[in-house]
Protein backbone atom coordinates (compact mmCIF):
# COMPACT_ATOMS: atom_id res chain seq x y z
CA MET A 1 35.60 -10.82 -236.85
CA ALA A 2 38.73 -9.92 -234.87
CA THR A 3 39.22 -11.14 -231.33
CA SER A 4 39.19 -8.33 -228.76
CA VAL A 5 39.91 -10.28 -225.56
CA SER A 6 41.42 -13.76 -225.41
CA VAL A 7 41.76 -15.81 -222.23
CA GLN A 8 43.98 -18.86 -222.69
CA ASN A 9 44.23 -21.77 -220.24
CA LEU A 10 43.69 -19.45 -217.26
CA THR A 11 44.05 -21.01 -213.83
CA LEU A 12 43.89 -19.07 -210.58
CA LYS A 13 44.66 -20.60 -207.20
CA PHE A 14 44.31 -19.17 -203.72
CA GLY A 15 46.57 -21.50 -201.77
CA SER A 16 45.46 -25.04 -202.63
CA ALA A 17 42.00 -23.92 -203.79
CA GLU A 18 41.49 -23.62 -207.57
CA VAL A 19 39.09 -20.73 -208.16
CA LEU A 20 39.39 -20.71 -211.97
CA LYS A 21 40.25 -23.94 -213.75
CA ASN A 22 42.01 -24.00 -217.13
CA LEU A 23 39.53 -21.47 -218.49
CA ASN A 24 39.42 -20.38 -222.16
CA LEU A 25 37.34 -17.52 -223.55
CA ASP A 26 37.50 -15.49 -226.77
CA VAL A 27 35.50 -12.25 -226.98
CA GLU A 28 34.98 -10.72 -230.40
CA GLU A 29 35.49 -7.06 -231.26
CA GLY A 30 32.43 -5.04 -230.20
CA GLU A 31 30.76 -7.99 -228.47
CA PHE A 32 28.73 -7.74 -225.26
CA ILE A 33 29.60 -10.81 -223.17
CA VAL A 34 27.89 -11.52 -219.85
CA LEU A 35 29.51 -13.74 -217.21
CA LEU A 36 26.60 -15.28 -215.32
CA GLY A 37 26.46 -17.67 -212.40
CA PRO A 38 25.74 -18.07 -208.68
CA SER A 39 27.83 -16.48 -205.93
CA GLY A 40 31.29 -18.03 -205.71
CA CYS A 41 31.35 -19.36 -209.28
CA GLY A 42 34.39 -17.25 -210.24
CA LYS A 43 32.80 -14.64 -212.50
CA SER A 44 34.03 -11.53 -210.62
CA THR A 45 37.39 -13.23 -210.10
CA LEU A 46 37.73 -13.68 -213.86
CA LEU A 47 36.85 -10.01 -214.40
CA ASN A 48 39.50 -8.97 -211.87
CA CYS A 49 42.03 -11.12 -213.72
CA LEU A 50 41.15 -9.34 -216.98
CA ALA A 51 41.51 -5.97 -215.21
CA GLY A 52 44.93 -6.91 -213.84
CA LEU A 53 43.82 -6.81 -210.21
CA LEU A 54 44.74 -10.47 -209.62
CA GLU A 55 47.88 -12.35 -210.64
CA LEU A 56 47.30 -15.52 -212.63
CA SER A 57 48.64 -18.89 -211.48
CA GLU A 58 48.74 -20.18 -215.07
CA GLY A 59 47.66 -19.06 -218.53
CA GLN A 60 47.63 -15.83 -220.53
CA ILE A 61 45.38 -12.88 -221.31
CA HIS A 62 45.52 -11.00 -224.62
CA ILE A 63 43.70 -7.72 -225.27
CA LYS A 64 43.62 -6.39 -228.85
CA GLY A 65 46.30 -8.92 -229.78
CA LYS A 66 48.69 -7.75 -227.05
CA ASN A 67 49.79 -10.10 -224.25
CA VAL A 68 48.80 -8.21 -221.07
CA THR A 69 49.18 -11.14 -218.65
CA TRP A 70 51.69 -9.23 -216.51
CA ALA A 71 50.73 -5.68 -217.51
CA GLU A 72 49.50 -3.13 -214.96
CA PRO A 73 45.77 -2.27 -215.03
CA SER A 74 46.54 1.19 -216.47
CA GLU A 75 48.41 -0.41 -219.39
CA ARG A 76 45.63 -2.77 -220.50
CA GLY A 77 43.35 -0.36 -222.35
CA ILE A 78 40.34 -1.17 -220.17
CA GLY A 79 37.74 0.85 -218.28
CA MET A 80 36.09 -0.71 -215.23
CA VAL A 81 32.76 0.02 -213.54
CA PHE A 82 32.30 -1.37 -210.03
CA GLN A 83 29.23 -2.37 -208.06
CA SER A 84 29.99 0.19 -205.33
CA TYR A 85 30.32 3.26 -207.66
CA ALA A 86 33.69 4.07 -205.97
CA LEU A 87 33.26 7.85 -206.38
CA TYR A 88 35.28 10.45 -204.50
CA PRO A 89 32.72 12.13 -202.18
CA GLN A 90 34.61 15.43 -201.93
CA MET A 91 34.78 15.89 -205.73
CA THR A 92 32.06 17.06 -208.09
CA VAL A 93 30.79 14.82 -210.86
CA ARG A 94 33.07 16.68 -213.25
CA GLY A 95 36.00 16.12 -210.89
CA ASN A 96 35.28 12.42 -210.55
CA MET A 97 35.05 11.94 -214.30
CA SER A 98 38.19 13.91 -215.08
CA PHE A 99 40.44 12.80 -212.21
CA GLY A 100 42.05 9.85 -213.97
CA LEU A 101 42.74 11.92 -217.08
CA LYS A 102 44.37 14.68 -215.01
CA ILE A 103 46.62 12.12 -213.30
CA ALA A 104 47.62 10.85 -216.75
CA GLY A 105 48.65 14.41 -217.72
CA MET A 106 46.08 14.96 -220.46
CA PRO A 107 45.63 18.60 -221.63
CA LYS A 108 42.69 20.46 -220.06
CA ASP A 109 40.85 21.10 -223.32
CA GLN A 110 40.89 17.39 -224.21
CA ILE A 111 39.68 16.45 -220.72
CA GLU A 112 36.80 18.92 -221.02
CA GLN A 113 35.82 17.55 -224.44
CA ARG A 114 35.77 13.97 -223.17
CA VAL A 115 33.81 14.82 -220.02
CA GLN A 116 31.29 16.82 -222.08
CA ARG A 117 30.84 13.98 -224.60
CA ALA A 118 30.39 11.32 -221.90
CA SER A 119 27.94 13.48 -219.94
CA GLU A 120 25.82 13.99 -223.08
CA ILE A 121 25.78 10.27 -223.86
CA LEU A 122 24.71 9.44 -220.27
CA GLN A 123 22.42 12.48 -219.90
CA ILE A 124 24.17 13.77 -216.78
CA GLY A 125 25.19 17.20 -218.10
CA PRO A 126 23.11 19.12 -215.50
CA LEU A 127 24.79 17.13 -212.70
CA LEU A 128 28.42 17.98 -213.49
CA ASP A 129 28.80 20.49 -210.65
CA ARG A 130 27.08 18.37 -207.99
CA LYS A 131 28.82 16.09 -205.51
CA PRO A 132 27.95 12.38 -205.20
CA GLY A 133 26.07 12.94 -201.93
CA ALA A 134 23.48 15.01 -203.82
CA LEU A 135 22.82 12.26 -206.40
CA SER A 136 20.47 9.29 -206.50
CA GLY A 137 21.80 5.74 -206.83
CA GLY A 138 21.03 5.66 -210.54
CA GLN A 139 22.77 9.01 -211.11
CA ARG A 140 25.85 7.84 -209.21
CA GLN A 141 26.06 4.74 -211.35
CA ARG A 142 25.85 6.85 -214.50
CA VAL A 143 28.75 8.92 -213.18
CA ALA A 144 30.74 5.73 -212.51
CA ILE A 145 30.06 4.61 -216.09
CA GLY A 146 30.99 8.08 -217.34
CA ARG A 147 34.32 7.92 -215.51
CA ALA A 148 35.11 4.77 -217.50
CA LEU A 149 33.79 6.25 -220.77
CA VAL A 150 36.09 9.30 -220.71
CA ARG A 151 39.11 7.01 -220.98
CA GLU A 152 37.92 6.08 -224.50
CA VAL A 153 39.27 2.55 -224.19
CA ASP A 154 38.58 -0.53 -226.32
CA VAL A 155 37.23 -2.80 -223.55
CA PHE A 156 34.82 -2.00 -220.72
CA LEU A 157 34.46 -4.29 -217.69
CA PHE A 158 31.31 -4.11 -215.55
CA ASP A 159 31.20 -5.82 -212.14
CA GLU A 160 27.51 -6.12 -211.13
CA PRO A 161 26.95 -2.37 -211.70
CA LEU A 162 23.18 -2.44 -211.14
CA SER A 163 22.91 -4.70 -208.10
CA ASN A 164 22.67 -1.80 -205.60
CA LEU A 165 19.70 -0.23 -207.39
CA ASP A 166 15.99 -0.86 -206.94
CA ALA A 167 14.06 -2.91 -209.50
CA LYS A 168 12.71 0.06 -211.49
CA LEU A 169 16.12 1.74 -211.77
CA ARG A 170 17.75 -1.55 -212.76
CA SER A 171 15.26 -1.94 -215.57
CA GLU A 172 15.83 1.63 -216.79
CA LEU A 173 19.62 1.39 -216.67
CA ARG A 174 19.56 -1.98 -218.47
CA VAL A 175 17.96 -0.22 -221.42
CA GLU A 176 20.51 2.61 -221.20
CA LEU A 177 23.43 0.15 -221.14
CA LYS A 178 22.02 -1.61 -224.22
CA ARG A 179 21.64 1.75 -225.96
CA LEU A 180 25.17 2.73 -224.91
CA HIS A 181 26.65 -0.44 -226.39
CA ASN A 182 24.71 -0.03 -229.62
CA ARG A 183 26.08 3.50 -229.92
CA LEU A 184 29.71 2.95 -228.93
CA LYS A 185 30.26 -0.57 -230.37
CA ASN A 186 32.99 -1.19 -227.77
CA THR A 187 33.73 -4.62 -226.35
CA MET A 188 31.92 -5.02 -223.03
CA ILE A 189 32.30 -7.81 -220.47
CA TYR A 190 29.64 -7.72 -217.80
CA VAL A 191 29.36 -9.74 -214.57
CA THR A 192 25.99 -10.43 -212.97
CA HIS A 193 24.04 -13.06 -211.03
CA ASP A 194 20.78 -11.66 -212.48
CA GLN A 195 19.65 -13.82 -215.39
CA ILE A 196 17.25 -11.13 -216.67
CA GLU A 197 20.19 -8.75 -217.10
CA ALA A 198 22.11 -11.49 -218.88
CA LEU A 199 19.30 -12.47 -221.25
CA THR A 200 18.43 -8.87 -222.17
CA LEU A 201 21.95 -7.41 -222.50
CA ALA A 202 24.21 -10.13 -223.87
CA ASP A 203 25.27 -11.04 -227.37
CA ARG A 204 26.57 -14.22 -225.72
CA ILE A 205 26.35 -15.52 -222.15
CA ALA A 206 29.03 -17.53 -220.36
CA ILE A 207 27.37 -19.59 -217.63
CA MET A 208 29.90 -20.32 -214.88
CA ARG A 209 30.00 -22.85 -212.06
CA GLY A 210 32.91 -23.76 -209.84
CA GLY A 211 35.43 -21.78 -211.89
CA ILE A 212 34.45 -23.49 -215.16
CA ILE A 213 32.40 -22.16 -218.08
CA GLN A 214 29.50 -24.59 -218.44
CA GLN A 215 28.10 -23.10 -221.65
CA LEU A 216 28.96 -20.13 -223.87
CA ASP A 217 26.28 -19.22 -226.37
CA GLU A 218 23.62 -16.75 -227.47
CA PRO A 219 20.85 -16.11 -224.90
CA HIS A 220 18.19 -17.79 -227.05
CA THR A 221 20.27 -20.96 -227.40
CA ILE A 222 21.15 -21.14 -223.71
CA TYR A 223 17.50 -20.70 -222.74
CA ASN A 224 16.08 -23.20 -225.22
CA ARG A 225 18.95 -25.71 -225.54
CA PRO A 226 20.86 -25.75 -222.22
CA ALA A 227 24.01 -27.87 -222.39
CA ASN A 228 23.50 -29.56 -219.04
CA LEU A 229 21.23 -29.87 -216.04
CA PHE A 230 22.90 -27.03 -214.12
CA VAL A 231 22.42 -24.51 -216.95
CA ALA A 232 18.83 -25.65 -217.45
CA GLY A 233 18.01 -25.17 -213.77
CA PHE A 234 19.87 -21.87 -213.40
CA ILE A 235 18.35 -20.07 -216.40
CA GLY A 236 14.64 -19.30 -216.30
CA SER A 237 12.30 -17.73 -213.76
CA PRO A 238 10.45 -19.68 -212.57
CA ALA A 239 12.87 -22.54 -213.01
CA MET A 240 12.46 -25.35 -215.52
CA ASN A 241 10.36 -28.31 -214.33
CA PHE A 242 12.28 -31.59 -214.06
CA ILE A 243 10.86 -35.13 -214.06
CA LYS A 244 13.08 -38.16 -213.47
CA GLY A 245 12.36 -41.29 -215.47
CA ALA A 246 13.74 -43.42 -218.29
CA THR A 247 13.71 -43.49 -222.08
CA THR A 248 12.29 -46.73 -223.47
CA ASN A 249 11.10 -48.37 -226.68
CA GLY A 250 14.29 -47.53 -228.55
CA GLY A 251 14.34 -44.04 -227.03
CA ARG A 252 10.96 -43.13 -228.45
CA ILE A 253 9.13 -42.89 -225.10
CA PHE A 254 9.93 -41.03 -221.87
CA GLN A 255 8.43 -42.99 -218.98
CA SER A 256 8.03 -42.00 -215.33
CA GLY A 257 5.38 -43.86 -213.33
CA GLU A 258 2.11 -43.39 -215.21
CA ILE A 259 3.64 -40.72 -217.46
CA ASN A 260 4.39 -41.82 -221.05
CA LEU A 261 5.53 -39.05 -223.41
CA ASP A 262 6.13 -39.53 -227.13
CA LEU A 263 9.64 -38.25 -227.98
CA SER A 264 9.31 -38.41 -231.77
CA GLN A 265 9.19 -34.58 -232.00
CA TYR A 266 12.15 -34.03 -229.67
CA GLU A 267 14.49 -31.54 -231.40
CA GLY A 268 17.60 -32.92 -229.71
CA GLY A 269 17.69 -35.73 -232.26
CA ALA A 270 17.94 -39.48 -231.78
CA VAL A 271 17.40 -40.74 -228.23
CA MET A 272 18.51 -44.20 -227.13
CA ASP A 273 17.19 -46.22 -224.19
CA ARG A 274 18.46 -44.86 -220.89
CA SER A 275 17.51 -46.27 -217.50
CA LYS A 276 18.12 -42.87 -215.89
CA ALA A 277 16.93 -39.80 -217.78
CA ILE A 278 15.47 -36.43 -216.85
CA ILE A 279 13.07 -34.39 -218.94
CA GLY A 280 13.05 -30.60 -218.51
CA LEU A 281 9.92 -28.59 -219.31
CA ARG A 282 9.66 -24.81 -219.10
CA PRO A 283 6.42 -23.47 -217.59
CA GLU A 284 5.53 -21.60 -220.79
CA HIS A 285 5.91 -24.77 -222.90
CA ILE A 286 3.08 -26.54 -221.07
CA THR A 287 -0.64 -26.04 -221.67
CA ILE A 288 -3.47 -27.02 -219.31
CA VAL A 289 -6.15 -29.11 -221.08
CA ASP A 290 -9.27 -30.93 -219.88
CA ALA A 291 -8.79 -34.32 -221.53
CA ALA A 292 -5.83 -36.68 -221.76
CA ILE A 293 -4.00 -37.02 -225.09
CA PRO A 294 -1.96 -40.25 -225.40
CA GLY A 295 1.79 -39.56 -225.50
CA GLN A 296 1.35 -35.81 -225.01
CA THR A 297 -0.18 -35.12 -221.58
CA ILE A 298 0.62 -35.54 -217.89
CA PRO A 299 -2.14 -35.91 -215.25
CA ALA A 300 -1.97 -33.25 -212.51
CA VAL A 301 -3.94 -31.55 -209.74
CA VAL A 302 -3.98 -27.75 -209.32
CA GLU A 303 -2.47 -26.65 -206.01
CA ILE A 304 -2.20 -22.82 -206.01
CA ASP A 305 -1.83 -19.98 -208.47
CA GLU A 306 0.30 -16.84 -208.34
CA PRO A 307 -1.20 -13.91 -210.29
CA MET A 308 1.65 -12.03 -212.02
CA GLY A 309 -0.23 -9.32 -213.88
CA ALA A 310 -0.43 -10.27 -217.56
CA ASP A 311 -0.41 -13.97 -216.72
CA SER A 312 -0.57 -16.32 -213.77
CA LEU A 313 1.85 -18.96 -212.53
CA VAL A 314 -0.07 -22.10 -211.62
CA TRP A 315 1.53 -24.68 -209.31
CA LEU A 316 0.35 -28.26 -209.71
CA LEU A 317 1.05 -31.62 -208.14
CA VAL A 318 2.24 -34.38 -210.48
CA ASP A 319 2.66 -37.71 -208.72
CA GLY A 320 3.49 -35.85 -205.50
CA ARG A 321 5.96 -33.48 -207.19
CA GLN A 322 5.42 -29.77 -207.83
CA MET A 323 5.33 -28.37 -211.36
CA SER A 324 4.66 -24.84 -212.58
CA VAL A 325 2.77 -23.67 -215.68
CA ARG A 326 2.24 -20.18 -217.09
CA VAL A 327 -1.36 -19.50 -218.12
CA PRO A 328 -3.32 -16.38 -219.15
CA PHE A 329 -4.66 -14.70 -216.00
CA GLU A 330 -8.30 -15.15 -217.00
CA HIS A 331 -7.82 -18.90 -217.68
CA ARG A 332 -6.26 -19.94 -214.39
CA PRO A 333 -7.98 -23.02 -212.89
CA LYS A 334 -9.23 -23.34 -209.31
CA ALA A 335 -7.23 -25.11 -206.61
CA GLY A 336 -8.01 -28.83 -206.34
CA THR A 337 -9.06 -29.16 -210.00
CA PRO A 338 -7.74 -32.30 -211.75
CA VAL A 339 -6.28 -31.35 -215.14
CA HIS A 340 -3.95 -32.64 -217.85
CA LEU A 341 -0.74 -30.91 -218.88
CA LYS A 342 -0.07 -30.93 -222.63
CA VAL A 343 3.68 -30.90 -223.20
CA ASP A 344 5.44 -29.31 -226.19
CA ILE A 345 8.05 -32.05 -226.64
CA ALA A 346 9.79 -30.12 -229.45
CA LYS A 347 10.77 -27.46 -226.88
CA SER A 348 11.66 -29.84 -224.06
CA SER A 349 15.15 -30.75 -222.88
CA LEU A 350 16.34 -34.29 -222.12
CA PHE A 351 19.32 -35.02 -219.87
CA ASP A 352 21.25 -38.12 -218.95
CA GLU A 353 20.90 -38.32 -215.15
CA THR A 354 24.32 -39.95 -214.80
CA ASN A 355 26.47 -37.22 -216.38
CA GLU A 356 23.78 -34.48 -216.38
CA LEU A 357 24.54 -33.62 -220.04
CA ARG A 358 21.88 -32.77 -222.61
CA ILE A 359 20.79 -35.67 -224.77
């Protein structure tokens, strides 16, 4: 498949501070890429570099095979949707959507056709003669997306477009964005700090930290086989449980205090002896059982439970440390109950504590 956007050895400095560090990223034609990470990781900065709003210190950016490193934003063939909507309050929805096309000198009939098509796709036809002040947050964001759509560009850039909306609207617009991408097949690069948005929308996710891409992969792979300790801890709600220990007996046993887990089913492959190792266990990959099973269970005591509707999140104490387990609501144990946690080793993640990389 052809490459739509290519970032090559991109470095961006503000004074002596390196915000993006020798970053490389290739986005395929029609792909939905999500840039995900905590505040300050460089994801919005990278998007602004792609849009031409920031000047690179080093490196190049190619869009549709054309070097646009020094091109103006209007020359890059991109449409951008911002977090703040950025609508003109004195203009109607129709005026907001058509303004950029009018400035570009496009004929009126073509402008009307594009506005009509975008409004049908986004289901905002009845709102065309209203002003932004008469719209809800979700409607304003649809208008902001529509303003980008009418440009009929190859690449769309989204900078946390749903973060100002309430939870229900975010969920609804996530579905609409997915439907929009399926229909248009355009390349979309989307910035968010919300992992649910990333996991549900992306074809691939780029996890960023400190101006560096930590892992670029499909959502399923990032969730189940995180490349390092940071990715493992960042993805997942509630977070992955971590236990520090060591791998012994030729790497066949994970040991931490009284915990001895058989690693023979570990999908990561061969494990050697390491004096400092960390095992990561997702709450849904642990089952509460009554009796100990050698090499498969961890002794624990139930502390509290958080009912979450369809299931319950149970917090337990394991050798003084907290761990969380998802259980069916009707099977949640009472506080203070001693139990055993059966671990699905095949779905666990092992990390070298020294370099924090996946084993």
